[in-house]
């Protein structure tokens, strides 16, 4: 019984972390879900836990800076 509960919990957590969260963040920030996953991977690689926390906001800010720069040029 405990093993079944553990399996369901792990599957639910993986679905939420890898599918649902990038979709929701992508809609709210206007970023593609794959870009969010890529940003999280890079953030974890270069910044550890802090990199994970700041990866998506930094990506959204960079996207806006690039869009602003393109309008100015």
PDB file of N, CA and C in Angstrom:
ATOM      1  N   UNK A   1       0.823  -1.192   0.000  1.00  0.00           N
ATOM      2  CA  UNK A   1       0.000   0.000   0.000  1.00  0.00           C
ATOM      3  C   UNK A   1       0.873   1.265   0.000  1.00  0.00           C
ATOM      4  N   UNK A   2       1.873   1.278   0.857  1.00  0.00           N
ATOM      5  CA  UNK A   2       2.761   2.432   0.934  1.00  0.00           C
ATOM      6  C   UNK A   2       3.509   2.647  -0.380  1.00  0.00           C
ATOM      7  N   UNK A   3       3.911   1.571  -1.016  1.00  0.00           N
ATOM      8  CA  UNK A   3       4.620   1.668  -2.289  1.00  0.00           C
ATOM      9  C   UNK A   3       3.728   2.268  -3.371  1.00  0.00           C
ATOM     10  N   UNK A   4       2.458   1.891  -3.395  1.00  0.00           N
ATOM     11  CA  UNK A   4       1.524   2.446  -4.382  1.00  0.00           C
ATOM     12  C   UNK A   4       1.341   3.949  -4.175  1.00  0.00           C
ATOM     13  N   UNK A   5       1.197   4.350  -2.932  1.00  0.00           N
ATOM     14  CA  UNK A   5       1.049   5.774  -2.626  1.00  0.00           C
ATOM     15  C   UNK A   5       2.305   6.538  -3.031  1.00  0.00           C
ATOM     16  N   UNK A   6       3.451   5.973  -2.756  1.00  0.00           N
ATOM     17  CA  UNK A   6       4.715   6.607  -3.122  1.00  0.00           C
ATOM     18  C   UNK A   6       4.846   6.753  -4.637  1.00  0.00           C
ATOM     19  N   UNK A   7       4.472   5.735  -5.372  1.00  0.00           N
ATOM     20  CA  UNK A   7       4.542   5.787  -6.836  1.00  0.00           C
ATOM     21  C   UNK A   7       3.606   6.857  -7.378  1.00  0.00           C
ATOM     22  N   UNK A   8       2.380   6.908  -6.867  1.00  0.00           N
ATOM     23  CA  UNK A   8       1.419   7.919  -7.318  1.00  0.00           C
ATOM     24  C   UNK A   8       1.942   9.320  -7.001  1.00  0.00           C
ATOM     25  N   UNK A   9       2.505   9.509  -5.835  1.00  0.00           N
ATOM     26  CA  UNK A   9       3.045  10.809  -5.440  1.00  0.00           C
ATOM     27  C   UNK A   9       4.192  11.232  -6.354  1.00  0.00           C
ATOM     28  N   UNK A  10       5.091  10.339  -6.643  1.00  0.00           N
ATOM     29  CA  UNK A  10       6.233  10.659  -7.508  1.00  0.00           C
ATOM     30  C   UNK A  10       5.764  10.992  -8.919  1.00  0.00           C
ATOM     31  N   UNK A  11       4.844  10.214  -9.453  1.00  0.00           N
ATOM     32  CA  UNK A  11       4.324  10.475 -10.801  1.00  0.00           C
ATOM     33  C   UNK A  11       3.611  11.825 -10.842  1.00  0.00           C
ATOM     34  N   UNK A  12       2.781  12.107  -9.849  1.00  0.00           N
ATOM     35  CA  UNK A  12       2.055  13.381  -9.813  1.00  0.00           C
ATOM     36  C   UNK A  12       3.019  14.560  -9.713  1.00  0.00           C
ATOM     37  N   UNK A  13       4.028  14.426  -8.896  1.00  0.00           N
ATOM     38  CA  UNK A  13       4.997  15.509  -8.741  1.00  0.00           C
ATOM     39  C   UNK A  13       5.786  15.735 -10.025  1.00  0.00           C
ATOM     40  N   UNK A  14       6.165  14.676 -10.703  1.00  0.00           N
ATOM     41  CA  UNK A  14       6.904  14.806 -11.957  1.00  0.00           C
ATOM     42  C   UNK A  14       6.046  15.461 -13.037  1.00  0.00           C
ATOM     43  N   UNK A  15       4.785  15.068 -13.122  1.00  0.00           N
ATOM     44  CA  UNK A  15       3.881  15.686 -14.097  1.00  0.00           C
ATOM     45  C   UNK A  15       3.723  17.175 -13.818  1.00  0.00           C
ATOM     46  N   UNK A  16       3.543  17.513 -12.562  1.00  0.00           N
ATOM     47  CA  UNK A  16       3.363  18.910 -12.199  1.00  0.00           C
ATOM     48  C   UNK A  16       4.622  19.722 -12.490  1.00  0.00           C
ATOM     49  N   UNK A  17       5.771  19.204 -12.124  1.00  0.00           N
ATOM     50  CA  UNK A  17       7.024  19.942 -12.300  1.00  0.00           C
ATOM     51  C   UNK A  17       7.454  20.063 -13.754  1.00  0.00           C
ATOM     52  N   UNK A  18       7.260  19.016 -14.521  1.00  0.00           N
ATOM     53  CA  UNK A  18       7.807  18.986 -15.877  1.00  0.00           C
ATOM     54  C   UNK A  18       6.815  19.347 -16.969  1.00  0.00           C
ATOM     55  N   UNK A  19       5.530  19.306 -16.693  1.00  0.00           N
ATOM     56  CA  UNK A  19       4.547  19.618 -17.726  1.00  0.00           C
ATOM     57  C   UNK A  19       3.668  20.811 -17.378  1.00  0.00           C
ATOM     58  N   UNK A  20       3.071  20.787 -16.214  1.00  0.00           N
ATOM     59  CA  UNK A  20       2.081  21.807 -15.877  1.00  0.00           C
ATOM     60  C   UNK A  20       2.735  23.152 -15.573  1.00  0.00           C
ATOM     61  N   UNK A  21       3.749  23.165 -14.738  1.00  0.00           N
ATOM     62  CA  UNK A  21       4.390  24.427 -14.359  1.00  0.00           C
ATOM     63  C   UNK A  21       4.970  25.181 -15.554  1.00  0.00           C
ATOM     64  N   UNK A  22       5.715  24.554 -16.461  1.00  0.00           N
ATOM     65  CA  UNK A  22       6.198  25.306 -17.631  1.00  0.00           C
ATOM     66  C   UNK A  22       5.063  25.855 -18.501  1.00  0.00           C
ATOM     67  N   UNK A  23       3.960  25.122 -18.607  1.00  0.00           N
ATOM     68  CA  UNK A  23       2.825  25.610 -19.392  1.00  0.00           C
ATOM     69  C   UNK A  23       2.232  26.872 -18.766  1.00  0.00           C
ATOM     70  N   UNK A  24       2.021  26.842 -17.457  1.00  0.00           N
ATOM     71  CA  UNK A  24       1.428  27.986 -16.761  1.00  0.00           C
ATOM     72  C   UNK A  24       2.366  29.185 -16.807  1.00  0.00           C
ATOM     73  N   UNK A  25       3.630  28.977 -16.506  1.00  0.00           N
ATOM     74  CA  UNK A  25       4.595  30.074 -16.562  1.00  0.00           C
ATOM     75  C   UNK A  25       4.714  30.628 -17.977  1.00  0.00           C
ATOM     76  N   UNK A  26       4.692  29.746 -18.956  1.00  0.00           N
ATOM     77  CA  UNK A  26       4.785  30.188 -20.344  1.00  0.00           C
ATOM     78  C   UNK A  26       3.637  31.092 -20.736  1.00  0.00           C
ATOM     79  N   UNK A  27       2.432  30.736 -20.308  1.00  0.00           N
ATOM     80  CA  UNK A  27       1.271  31.569 -20.628  1.00  0.00           C
ATOM     81  C   UNK A  27       1.341  32.913 -19.910  1.00  0.00           C
ATOM     82  N   UNK A  28       1.743  32.900 -18.663  1.00  0.00           N
ATOM     83  CA  UNK A  28       1.770  34.133 -17.881  1.00  0.00           C
ATOM     84  C   UNK A  28       2.885  35.082 -18.327  1.00  0.00           C
ATOM     85  N   UNK A  29       4.019  34.543 -18.699  1.00  0.00           N
ATOM     86  CA  UNK A  29       5.168  35.376 -19.054  1.00  0.00           C
ATOM     87  C   UNK A  29       5.350  35.547 -20.555  1.00  0.00           C
ATOM     88  N   UNK A  30       4.608  34.814 -21.343  1.00  0.00           N
ATOM     89  CA  UNK A  30       4.763  34.903 -22.784  1.00  0.00           C
ATOM     90  C   UNK A  30       6.003  34.196 -23.295  1.00  0.00           C
ATOM     91  N   UNK A  31       6.474  33.195 -22.550  1.00  0.00           N
ATOM     92  CA  UNK A  31       7.651  32.429 -22.950  1.00  0.00           C
ATOM     93  C   UNK A  31       7.229  31.021 -23.344  1.00  0.00           C
ATOM     94  N   UNK A  32       7.918  30.452 -24.306  1.00  0.00           N
ATOM     95  CA  UNK A  32       7.641  29.079 -24.714  1.00  0.00           C
ATOM     96  C   UNK A  32       8.048  28.131 -23.584  1.00  0.00           C
ATOM     97  N   UNK A  33       7.252  27.085 -23.317  1.00  0.00           N
ATOM     98  CA  UNK A  33       7.588  26.153 -22.229  1.00  0.00           C
ATOM     99  C   UNK A  33       8.973  25.515 -22.360  1.00  0.00           C
ATOM    100  N   UNK A  34       9.407  25.228 -23.587  1.00  0.00           N
ATOM    101  CA  UNK A  34      10.750  24.662 -23.751  1.00  0.00           C
ATOM    102  C   UNK A  34      11.834  25.665 -23.372  1.00  0.00           C
ATOM    103  N   UNK A  35      11.579  26.938 -23.622  1.00  0.00           N
ATOM    104  CA  UNK A  35      12.527  27.972 -23.214  1.00  0.00           C
ATOM    105  C   UNK A  35      12.617  28.036 -21.691  1.00  0.00           C
ATOM    106  N   UNK A  36      11.502  27.857 -21.016  1.00  0.00           N
ATOM    107  CA  UNK A  36      11.501  27.849 -19.552  1.00  0.00           C
ATOM    108  C   UNK A  36      12.301  26.663 -19.029  1.00  0.00           C
ATOM    109  N   UNK A  37      12.074  25.485 -19.597  1.00  0.00           N
ATOM    110  CA  UNK A  37      12.813  24.298 -19.164  1.00  0.00           C
ATOM    111  C   UNK A  37      14.306  24.484 -19.423  1.00  0.00           C
ATOM    112  N   UNK A  38      14.653  25.020 -20.592  1.00  0.00           N
ATOM    113  CA  UNK A  38      16.057  25.272 -20.921  1.00  0.00           C
ATOM    114  C   UNK A  38      16.669  26.278 -19.944  1.00  0.00           C
ATOM    115  N   UNK A  39      15.924  27.331 -19.615  1.00  0.00           N
ATOM    116  CA  UNK A  39      16.423  28.326 -18.663  1.00  0.00           C
ATOM    117  C   UNK A  39      16.640  27.702 -17.291  1.00  0.00           C
ATOM    118  N   UNK A  40      15.728  26.837 -16.873  1.00  0.00           N
ATOM    119  CA  UNK A  40      15.885  26.165 -15.582  1.00  0.00           C
ATOM    120  C   UNK A  40      17.110  25.256 -15.574  1.00  0.00           C
ATOM    121  N   UNK A  41      17.332  24.551 -16.677  1.00  0.00           N
ATOM    122  CA  UNK A  41      18.515  23.693 -16.756  1.00  0.00           C
ATOM    123  C   UNK A  41      19.801  24.508 -16.684  1.00  0.00           C
ATOM    124  N   UNK A  42      19.849  25.609 -17.425  1.00  0.00           N
ATOM    125  CA  UNK A  42      21.038  26.464 -17.381  1.00  0.00           C
ATOM    126  C   UNK A  42      21.206  27.107 -16.011  1.00  0.00           C
ATOM    127  N   UNK A  43      20.100  27.549 -15.428  1.00  0.00           N
ATOM    128  CA  UNK A  43      20.172  28.156 -14.104  1.00  0.00           C
ATOM    129  C   UNK A  43      20.696  27.187 -13.065  1.00  0.00           C
ATOM    130  N   UNK A  44      20.235  25.952 -13.120  1.00  0.00           N
ATOM    131  CA  UNK A  44      20.706  24.938 -12.172  1.00  0.00           C
ATOM    132  C   UNK A  44      22.176  24.621 -12.403  1.00  0.00           C
ATOM    133  N   UNK A  45      22.578  24.567 -13.658  1.00  0.00           N
ATOM    134  CA  UNK A  45      23.966  24.234 -13.987  1.00  0.00           C
ATOM    135  C   UNK A  45      24.932  25.311 -13.503  1.00  0.00           C
ATOM    136  N   UNK A  46      24.562  26.567 -13.715  1.00  0.00           N
ATOM    137  CA  UNK A  46      25.494  27.652 -13.411  1.00  0.00           C
ATOM    138  C   UNK A  46      25.286  28.290 -12.045  1.00  0.00           C
ATOM    139  N   UNK A  47      24.068  28.177 -11.481  1.00  0.00           N
ATOM    140  CA  UNK A  47      23.817  28.876 -10.229  1.00  0.00           C
ATOM    141  C   UNK A  47      23.266  28.035  -9.104  1.00  0.00           C
ATOM    142  N   UNK A  48      23.114  26.739  -9.340  1.00  0.00           N
ATOM    143  CA  UNK A  48      22.578  25.884  -8.285  1.00  0.00           C
ATOM    144  C   UNK A  48      21.143  26.250  -7.938  1.00  0.00           C
ATOM    145  N   UNK A  49      20.833  26.249  -6.646  1.00  0.00           N
ATOM    146  CA  UNK A  49      19.466  26.549  -6.208  1.00  0.00           C
ATOM    147  C   UNK A  49      19.104  27.998  -6.526  1.00  0.00           C
ATOM    148  N   UNK A  50      20.029  28.908  -6.310  1.00  0.00           N
ATOM    149  CA  UNK A  50      19.761  30.313  -6.630  1.00  0.00           C
ATOM    150  C   UNK A  50      19.517  30.476  -8.129  1.00  0.00           C
ATOM    151  N   UNK A  51      20.253  29.749  -8.938  1.00  0.00           N
ATOM    152  CA  UNK A  51      20.045  29.794 -10.381  1.00  0.00           C
ATOM    153  C   UNK A  51      18.665  29.311 -10.774  1.00  0.00           C
ATOM    154  N   UNK A  52      18.174  28.285 -10.097  1.00  0.00           N
ATOM    155  CA  UNK A  52      16.817  27.801 -10.359  1.00  0.00           C
ATOM    156  C   UNK A  52      15.777  28.854 -10.003  1.00  0.00           C
ATOM    157  N   UNK A  53      16.002  29.551  -8.899  1.00  0.00           N
ATOM    158  CA  UNK A  53      15.032  30.556  -8.470  1.00  0.00           C
ATOM    159  C   UNK A  53      14.979  31.756  -9.416  1.00  0.00           C
ATOM    160  N   UNK A  54      16.125  32.132  -9.958  1.00  0.00           N
ATOM    161  CA  UNK A  54      16.191  33.338 -10.777  1.00  0.00           C
ATOM    162  C   UNK A  54      16.169  33.082 -12.280  1.00  0.00           C
ATOM    163  N   UNK A  55      16.197  31.850 -12.718  1.00  0.00           N
ATOM    164  CA  UNK A  55      16.312  31.545 -14.148  1.00  0.00           C
ATOM    165  C   UNK A  55      15.133  32.074 -14.956  1.00  0.00           C
ATOM    166  N   UNK A  56      13.928  31.791 -14.537  1.00  0.00           N
ATOM    167  CA  UNK A  56      12.751  32.203 -15.313  1.00  0.00           C
ATOM    168  C   UNK A  56      12.561  33.723 -15.274  1.00  0.00           C
ATOM    169  N   UNK A  57      12.652  34.386 -14.114  1.00  0.00           N
ATOM    170  CA  UNK A  57      12.526  35.848 -14.144  1.00  0.00           C
ATOM    171  C   UNK A  57      13.604  36.536 -14.980  1.00  0.00           C
ATOM    172  N   UNK A  58      14.827  36.048 -14.898  1.00  0.00           N
ATOM    173  CA  UNK A  58      15.904  36.645 -15.697  1.00  0.00           C
ATOM    174  C   UNK A  58      15.635  36.434 -17.185  1.00  0.00           C
ATOM    175  N   UNK A  59      15.143  35.270 -17.553  1.00  0.00           N
ATOM    176  CA  UNK A  59      14.812  34.997 -18.953  1.00  0.00           C
ATOM    177  C   UNK A  59      13.710  35.935 -19.443  1.00  0.00           C
ATOM    178  N   UNK A  60      12.695  36.151 -18.617  1.00  0.00           N
ATOM    179  CA  UNK A  60      11.607  37.058 -19.002  1.00  0.00           C
ATOM    180  C   UNK A  60      12.119  38.489 -19.155  1.00  0.00           C
ATOM    181  N   UNK A  61      12.985  38.917 -18.255  1.00  0.00           N
ATOM    182  CA  UNK A  61      13.551  40.265 -18.349  1.00  0.00           C
ATOM    183  C   UNK A  61      14.418  40.390 -19.596  1.00  0.00           C
ATOM    184  N   UNK A  62      15.250  39.393 -19.864  1.00  0.00           N
ATOM    185  CA  UNK A  62      16.081  39.429 -21.073  1.00  0.00           C
ATOM    186  C   UNK A  62      15.231  39.493 -22.334  1.00  0.00           C
ATOM    187  N   UNK A  63      14.140  38.760 -22.347  1.00  0.00           N
ATOM    188  CA  UNK A  63      13.237  38.793 -23.503  1.00  0.00           C
ATOM    189  C   UNK A  63      12.690  40.205 -23.718  1.00  0.00           C
ATOM    190  N   UNK A  64      12.300  40.865 -22.633  1.00  0.00           N
ATOM    191  CA  UNK A  64      11.770  42.224 -22.747  1.00  0.00           C
ATOM    192  C   UNK A  64      12.847  43.220 -23.159  1.00  0.00           C
ATOM    193  N   UNK A  65      14.048  43.060 -22.643  1.00  0.00           N
ATOM    194  CA  UNK A  65      15.155  43.949 -23.016  1.00  0.00           C
ATOM    195  C   UNK A  65      15.473  43.794 -24.497  1.00  0.00           C
ATOM    196  N   UNK A  66      15.509  42.569 -24.973  1.00  0.00           N
ATOM    197  CA  UNK A  66      15.782  42.328 -26.393  1.00  0.00           C
ATOM    198  C   UNK A  66      14.671  42.906 -27.261  1.00  0.00           C
ATOM    199  N   UNK A  67      13.419  42.739 -26.849  1.00  0.00           N
ATOM    200  CA  UNK A  67      12.299  43.301 -27.613  1.00  0.00           C
ATOM    201  C   UNK A  67      12.380  44.824 -27.646  1.00  0.00           C
ATOM    202  N   UNK A  68      12.709  45.443 -26.526  1.00  0.00           N
ATOM    203  CA  UNK A  68      12.860  46.896 -26.469  1.00  0.00           C
ATOM    204  C   UNK A  68      14.007  47.353 -27.359  1.00  0.00           C
ATOM    205  N   UNK A  69      15.119  46.634 -27.296  1.00  0.00           N
ATOM    206  CA  UNK A  69      16.280  46.989 -28.104  1.00  0.00           C
ATOM    207  C   UNK A  69      15.965  46.887 -29.597  1.00  0.00           C
ATOM    208  N   UNK A  70      15.229  45.854 -29.979  1.00  0.00           N
ATOM    209  CA  UNK A  70      14.863  45.693 -31.393  1.00  0.00           C
ATOM    210  C   UNK A  70      13.967  46.824 -31.874  1.00  0.00           C
ATOM    211  N   UNK A  71      13.084  47.312 -31.008  1.00  0.00           N
ATOM    212  CA  UNK A  71      12.224  48.433 -31.385  1.00  0.00           C
ATOM    213  C   UNK A  71      13.028  49.709 -31.576  1.00  0.00           C
ATOM    214  N   UNK A  72      14.082  49.872 -30.799  1.00  0.00           N
ATOM    215  CA  UNK A  72      14.884  51.089 -30.859  1.00  0.00           C
ATOM    216  C   UNK A  72      15.825  51.112 -32.054  1.00  0.00           C
ATOM    217  N   UNK A  73      16.210  49.951 -32.541  1.00  0.00           N
ATOM    218  CA  UNK A  73      17.179  49.887 -33.640  1.00  0.00           C
ATOM    219  C   UNK A  73      16.513  49.919 -34.965  1.00  0.00           C
TER     220      UNK A  73
END
